């Protein structure tokens, strides 16, 4: 069943991030990515710690070296950009889907990282220790999902 998003749902979507990390982590990831991206254009001439012996002499060499400096930061940028786009599209679509699901698997992966798998297929990876603490295996829940099937709320049945 589809319902329009309420203001409370929109505020929850705004706070809900990929991998359920806090907004502070995504802010840090974005700032580090932007800083490193800007720095990468100077690194072929200045180097990271030492000035290069053979700086680039033409545009082709320069572009190759800049790409080498940008490759390590590429996954970080993709993560930040995709997080922003998913949140934006969820709010623009403007509806939520209400469904009944069953918890098939709830395990601790390593450290504080935990995994929950619902049936019909929905995976949640989260870090916060008290989040989803009342869910057990084979629990039946009523879930509210966004356009991209991200969990907004759940209620035990």
C-alpha atoms as a PDB file:
ATOM      1  CA  UNK A   1       0.000   0.000   0.000  1.00  0.00           C
ATOM      2  CA  UNK A   2       1.380   3.408  -0.962  1.00  0.00           C
ATOM      3  CA  UNK A   3       0.842   6.545   1.100  1.00  0.00           C
ATOM      4  CA  UNK A   4       2.167  10.088   0.738  1.00  0.00           C
ATOM      5  CA  UNK A   5       5.120  11.080   2.911  1.00  0.00           C
ATOM      6  CA  UNK A   6       4.369  13.154   5.977  1.00  0.00           C
ATOM      7  CA  UNK A   7       6.629  15.934   7.253  1.00  0.00           C
ATOM      8  CA  UNK A   8       7.864  13.568   9.970  1.00  0.00           C
ATOM      9  CA  UNK A   9       8.776  10.970   7.321  1.00  0.00           C
ATOM     10  CA  UNK A  10      10.645  13.580   5.283  1.00  0.00           C
ATOM     11  CA  UNK A  11      12.676  14.617   8.317  1.00  0.00           C
ATOM     12  CA  UNK A  12      13.500  10.940   9.016  1.00  0.00           C
ATOM     13  CA  UNK A  13      14.618  10.454   5.410  1.00  0.00           C
ATOM     14  CA  UNK A  14      16.814  13.527   5.712  1.00  0.00           C
ATOM     15  CA  UNK A  15      18.559  11.956   8.746  1.00  0.00           C
ATOM     16  CA  UNK A  16      18.690   8.422   7.268  1.00  0.00           C
ATOM     17  CA  UNK A  17      21.996   7.684   5.512  1.00  0.00           C
ATOM     18  CA  UNK A  18      23.413   4.816   3.531  1.00  0.00           C
ATOM     19  CA  UNK A  19      24.846   2.165   5.878  1.00  0.00           C
ATOM     20  CA  UNK A  20      23.086   4.044   8.690  1.00  0.00           C
ATOM     21  CA  UNK A  21      26.174   6.108   9.511  1.00  0.00           C
ATOM     22  CA  UNK A  22      25.627   9.420  11.272  1.00  0.00           C
ATOM     23  CA  UNK A  23      25.376  12.676   9.338  1.00  0.00           C
ATOM     24  CA  UNK A  24      28.696  13.749  10.872  1.00  0.00           C
ATOM     25  CA  UNK A  25      30.511  10.895   9.106  1.00  0.00           C
ATOM     26  CA  UNK A  26      29.080  11.865   5.737  1.00  0.00           C
ATOM     27  CA  UNK A  27      30.012  15.498   6.336  1.00  0.00           C
ATOM     28  CA  UNK A  28      33.585  14.445   7.144  1.00  0.00           C
ATOM     29  CA  UNK A  29      33.696  12.165   4.077  1.00  0.00           C
ATOM     30  CA  UNK A  30      32.471  14.982   1.852  1.00  0.00           C
ATOM     31  CA  UNK A  31      34.928  17.534   3.210  1.00  0.00           C
ATOM     32  CA  UNK A  32      37.888  15.155   2.932  1.00  0.00           C
ATOM     33  CA  UNK A  33      36.824  14.248  -0.608  1.00  0.00           C
ATOM     34  CA  UNK A  34      36.534  17.886  -1.690  1.00  0.00           C
ATOM     35  CA  UNK A  35      39.877  18.820  -0.107  1.00  0.00           C
ATOM     36  CA  UNK A  36      41.701  15.888  -1.676  1.00  0.00           C
ATOM     37  CA  UNK A  37      40.006  16.493  -5.046  1.00  0.00           C
ATOM     38  CA  UNK A  38      41.227  20.100  -5.095  1.00  0.00           C
ATOM     39  CA  UNK A  39      44.687  19.054  -3.916  1.00  0.00           C
ATOM     40  CA  UNK A  40      45.024  16.350  -6.598  1.00  0.00           C
ATOM     41  CA  UNK A  41      45.341  18.948  -9.374  1.00  0.00           C
ATOM     42  CA  UNK A  42      48.505  20.385  -7.773  1.00  0.00           C
ATOM     43  CA  UNK A  43      50.127  17.089  -6.755  1.00  0.00           C
ATOM     44  CA  UNK A  44      51.699  16.244 -10.156  1.00  0.00           C
ATOM     45  CA  UNK A  45      53.892  19.350  -9.758  1.00  0.00           C
ATOM     46  CA  UNK A  46      54.326  19.520  -5.970  1.00  0.00           C
ATOM     47  CA  UNK A  47      54.175  15.844  -4.989  1.00  0.00           C
ATOM     48  CA  UNK A  48      52.818  14.531  -1.707  1.00  0.00           C
ATOM     49  CA  UNK A  49      55.979  14.709   0.392  1.00  0.00           C
ATOM     50  CA  UNK A  50      58.716  15.380  -2.123  1.00  0.00           C
ATOM     51  CA  UNK A  51      58.716  17.351  -5.334  1.00  0.00           C
ATOM     52  CA  UNK A  52      58.702  14.949  -8.323  1.00  0.00           C
ATOM     53  CA  UNK A  53      61.929  14.561 -10.274  1.00  0.00           C
ATOM     54  CA  UNK A  54      60.116  14.645 -13.621  1.00  0.00           C
ATOM     55  CA  UNK A  55      57.010  16.865 -13.461  1.00  0.00           C
ATOM     56  CA  UNK A  56      54.579  16.550 -16.374  1.00  0.00           C
ATOM     57  CA  UNK A  57      55.572  18.445 -19.502  1.00  0.00           C
ATOM     58  CA  UNK A  58      52.372  18.179 -21.522  1.00  0.00           C
ATOM     59  CA  UNK A  59      48.637  17.853 -20.911  1.00  0.00           C
ATOM     60  CA  UNK A  60      48.515  14.094 -21.510  1.00  0.00           C
ATOM     61  CA  UNK A  61      51.106  13.372 -18.811  1.00  0.00           C
ATOM     62  CA  UNK A  62      49.390  15.809 -16.445  1.00  0.00           C
ATOM     63  CA  UNK A  63      45.975  14.160 -16.886  1.00  0.00           C
ATOM     64  CA  UNK A  64      47.452  10.674 -16.332  1.00  0.00           C
ATOM     65  CA  UNK A  65      49.097  11.774 -13.090  1.00  0.00           C
ATOM     66  CA  UNK A  66      45.982  13.585 -11.835  1.00  0.00           C
ATOM     67  CA  UNK A  67      43.902  10.456 -12.506  1.00  0.00           C
ATOM     68  CA  UNK A  68      46.387   8.402 -10.477  1.00  0.00           C
ATOM     69  CA  UNK A  69      45.987  10.803  -7.567  1.00  0.00           C
ATOM     70  CA  UNK A  70      42.171  10.832  -7.856  1.00  0.00           C
ATOM     71  CA  UNK A  71      41.657   7.040  -7.945  1.00  0.00           C
ATOM     72  CA  UNK A  72      42.040   6.481  -4.160  1.00  0.00           C
ATOM     73  CA  UNK A  73      39.412   9.109  -3.359  1.00  0.00           C
ATOM     74  CA  UNK A  74      36.918   7.952  -6.044  1.00  0.00           C
ATOM     75  CA  UNK A  75      34.997   5.469  -3.811  1.00  0.00           C
ATOM     76  CA  UNK A  76      34.673   8.130  -1.109  1.00  0.00           C
ATOM     77  CA  UNK A  77      33.185  10.583  -3.588  1.00  0.00           C
ATOM     78  CA  UNK A  78      30.789   7.989  -5.000  1.00  0.00           C
ATOM     79  CA  UNK A  79      29.573   7.145  -1.491  1.00  0.00           C
ATOM     80  CA  UNK A  80      28.903  10.793  -0.600  1.00  0.00           C
ATOM     81  CA  UNK A  81      27.238  11.621  -3.904  1.00  0.00           C
ATOM     82  CA  UNK A  82      25.052   8.497  -3.946  1.00  0.00           C
ATOM     83  CA  UNK A  83      23.946   9.166  -0.342  1.00  0.00           C
ATOM     84  CA  UNK A  84      22.837  12.680  -1.320  1.00  0.00           C
ATOM     85  CA  UNK A  85      21.060  11.534  -4.498  1.00  0.00           C
ATOM     86  CA  UNK A  86      19.176   8.699  -2.796  1.00  0.00           C
ATOM     87  CA  UNK A  87      17.903  11.029  -0.079  1.00  0.00           C
ATOM     88  CA  UNK A  88      16.910  13.636  -2.638  1.00  0.00           C
ATOM     89  CA  UNK A  89      14.991  11.213  -4.879  1.00  0.00           C
ATOM     90  CA  UNK A  90      13.227   9.637  -1.879  1.00  0.00           C
ATOM     91  CA  UNK A  91      11.924  13.041  -0.817  1.00  0.00           C
ATOM     92  CA  UNK A  92      10.999  14.104  -4.371  1.00  0.00           C
ATOM     93  CA  UNK A  93       9.013  10.938  -5.137  1.00  0.00           C
ATOM     94  CA  UNK A  94       6.868  11.738  -2.111  1.00  0.00           C
ATOM     95  CA  UNK A  95       5.426   8.370  -1.134  1.00  0.00           C
ATOM     96  CA  UNK A  96       6.129   5.475   1.196  1.00  0.00           C
ATOM     97  CA  UNK A  97       5.189   1.841   0.847  1.00  0.00           C
ATOM     98  CA  UNK A  98       3.719  -0.020   3.817  1.00  0.00           C
ATOM     99  CA  UNK A  99       4.423  -3.746   3.814  1.00  0.00           C
ATOM    100  CA  UNK A 100       4.467  -6.744   6.150  1.00  0.00           C
ATOM    101  CA  UNK A 101       7.812  -8.527   6.460  1.00  0.00           C
ATOM    102  CA  UNK A 102       9.433 -11.309   8.431  1.00  0.00           C
ATOM    103  CA  UNK A 103      12.917 -11.146   9.941  1.00  0.00           C
ATOM    104  CA  UNK A 104      14.846 -14.069   8.447  1.00  0.00           C
ATOM    105  CA  UNK A 105      18.327 -13.353   9.798  1.00  0.00           C
ATOM    106  CA  UNK A 106      19.810 -11.057  12.429  1.00  0.00           C
ATOM    107  CA  UNK A 107      23.535 -11.398  13.079  1.00  0.00           C
ATOM    108  CA  UNK A 108      26.571  -9.444  14.224  1.00  0.00           C
ATOM    109  CA  UNK A 109      29.112  -9.306  11.408  1.00  0.00           C
ATOM    110  CA  UNK A 110      32.145  -7.880  13.222  1.00  0.00           C
ATOM    111  CA  UNK A 111      32.619  -5.212  15.858  1.00  0.00           C
ATOM    112  CA  UNK A 112      29.468  -3.130  16.089  1.00  0.00           C
ATOM    113  CA  UNK A 113      28.415  -3.863  12.504  1.00  0.00           C
ATOM    114  CA  UNK A 114      25.145  -5.813  12.398  1.00  0.00           C
ATOM    115  CA  UNK A 115      23.004  -7.227   9.605  1.00  0.00           C
ATOM    116  CA  UNK A 116      19.264  -7.882   9.352  1.00  0.00           C
ATOM    117  CA  UNK A 117      17.631  -9.622   6.393  1.00  0.00           C
ATOM    118  CA  UNK A 118      13.858  -9.401   5.919  1.00  0.00           C
ATOM    119  CA  UNK A 119      11.551 -11.438   3.712  1.00  0.00           C
ATOM    120  CA  UNK A 120      10.472 -10.065   1.181  1.00  0.00           C
ATOM    121  CA  UNK A 121      14.077  -9.231   0.455  1.00  0.00           C
ATOM    122  CA  UNK A 122      15.375  -6.224   2.376  1.00  0.00           C
ATOM    123  CA  UNK A 123      18.842  -5.900   3.880  1.00  0.00           C
ATOM    124  CA  UNK A 124      19.745  -3.502   6.667  1.00  0.00           C
ATOM    125  CA  UNK A 125      23.326  -2.940   7.790  1.00  0.00           C
ATOM    126  CA  UNK A 126      23.677  -0.790  10.874  1.00  0.00           C
ATOM    127  CA  UNK A 127      26.181   0.262  13.542  1.00  0.00           C
ATOM    128  CA  UNK A 128      24.177   1.736  16.410  1.00  0.00           C
ATOM    129  CA  UNK A 129      23.920  -0.752  19.298  1.00  0.00           C
ATOM    130  CA  UNK A 130      20.348  -0.032  20.447  1.00  0.00           C
ATOM    131  CA  UNK A 131      18.849   0.283  16.994  1.00  0.00           C
ATOM    132  CA  UNK A 132      16.520  -2.618  16.087  1.00  0.00           C
ATOM    133  CA  UNK A 133      17.163  -4.255  19.478  1.00  0.00           C
ATOM    134  CA  UNK A 134      13.569  -5.526  19.766  1.00  0.00           C
ATOM    135  CA  UNK A 135      13.701  -7.481  16.482  1.00  0.00           C
ATOM    136  CA  UNK A 136      14.353 -11.200  16.742  1.00  0.00           C
ATOM    137  CA  UNK A 137      14.513 -13.966  14.166  1.00  0.00           C
ATOM    138  CA  UNK A 138      11.069 -14.836  12.742  1.00  0.00           C
ATOM    139  CA  UNK A 139       9.529 -11.580  14.063  1.00  0.00           C
ATOM    140  CA  UNK A 140       6.700 -10.267  11.911  1.00  0.00           C
ATOM    141  CA  UNK A 141       6.848  -6.516  11.394  1.00  0.00           C
ATOM    142  CA  UNK A 142       4.932  -3.836   9.576  1.00  0.00           C
ATOM    143  CA  UNK A 143       7.531  -1.743   7.723  1.00  0.00           C
ATOM    144  CA  UNK A 144       7.390   1.662   6.053  1.00  0.00           C
ATOM    145  CA  UNK A 145       9.752   1.838   3.084  1.00  0.00           C
ATOM    146  CA  UNK A 146      10.902   4.706   0.887  1.00  0.00           C
ATOM    147  CA  UNK A 147      11.035   4.724  -2.903  1.00  0.00           C
ATOM    148  CA  UNK A 148      14.442   2.969  -2.818  1.00  0.00           C
ATOM    149  CA  UNK A 149      13.153   0.435  -0.226  1.00  0.00           C
ATOM    150  CA  UNK A 150      14.990   1.989   2.695  1.00  0.00           C
ATOM    151  CA  UNK A 151      13.373   1.401   6.074  1.00  0.00           C
ATOM    152  CA  UNK A 152      11.819   4.495   7.656  1.00  0.00           C
ATOM    153  CA  UNK A 153       9.901   2.850  10.504  1.00  0.00           C
ATOM    154  CA  UNK A 154       8.864  -0.575  11.672  1.00  0.00           C
ATOM    155  CA  UNK A 155       6.262  -1.864  14.076  1.00  0.00           C
ATOM    156  CA  UNK A 156       6.074  -5.339  15.596  1.00  0.00           C
ATOM    157  CA  UNK A 157       2.872  -7.246  14.885  1.00  0.00           C
END
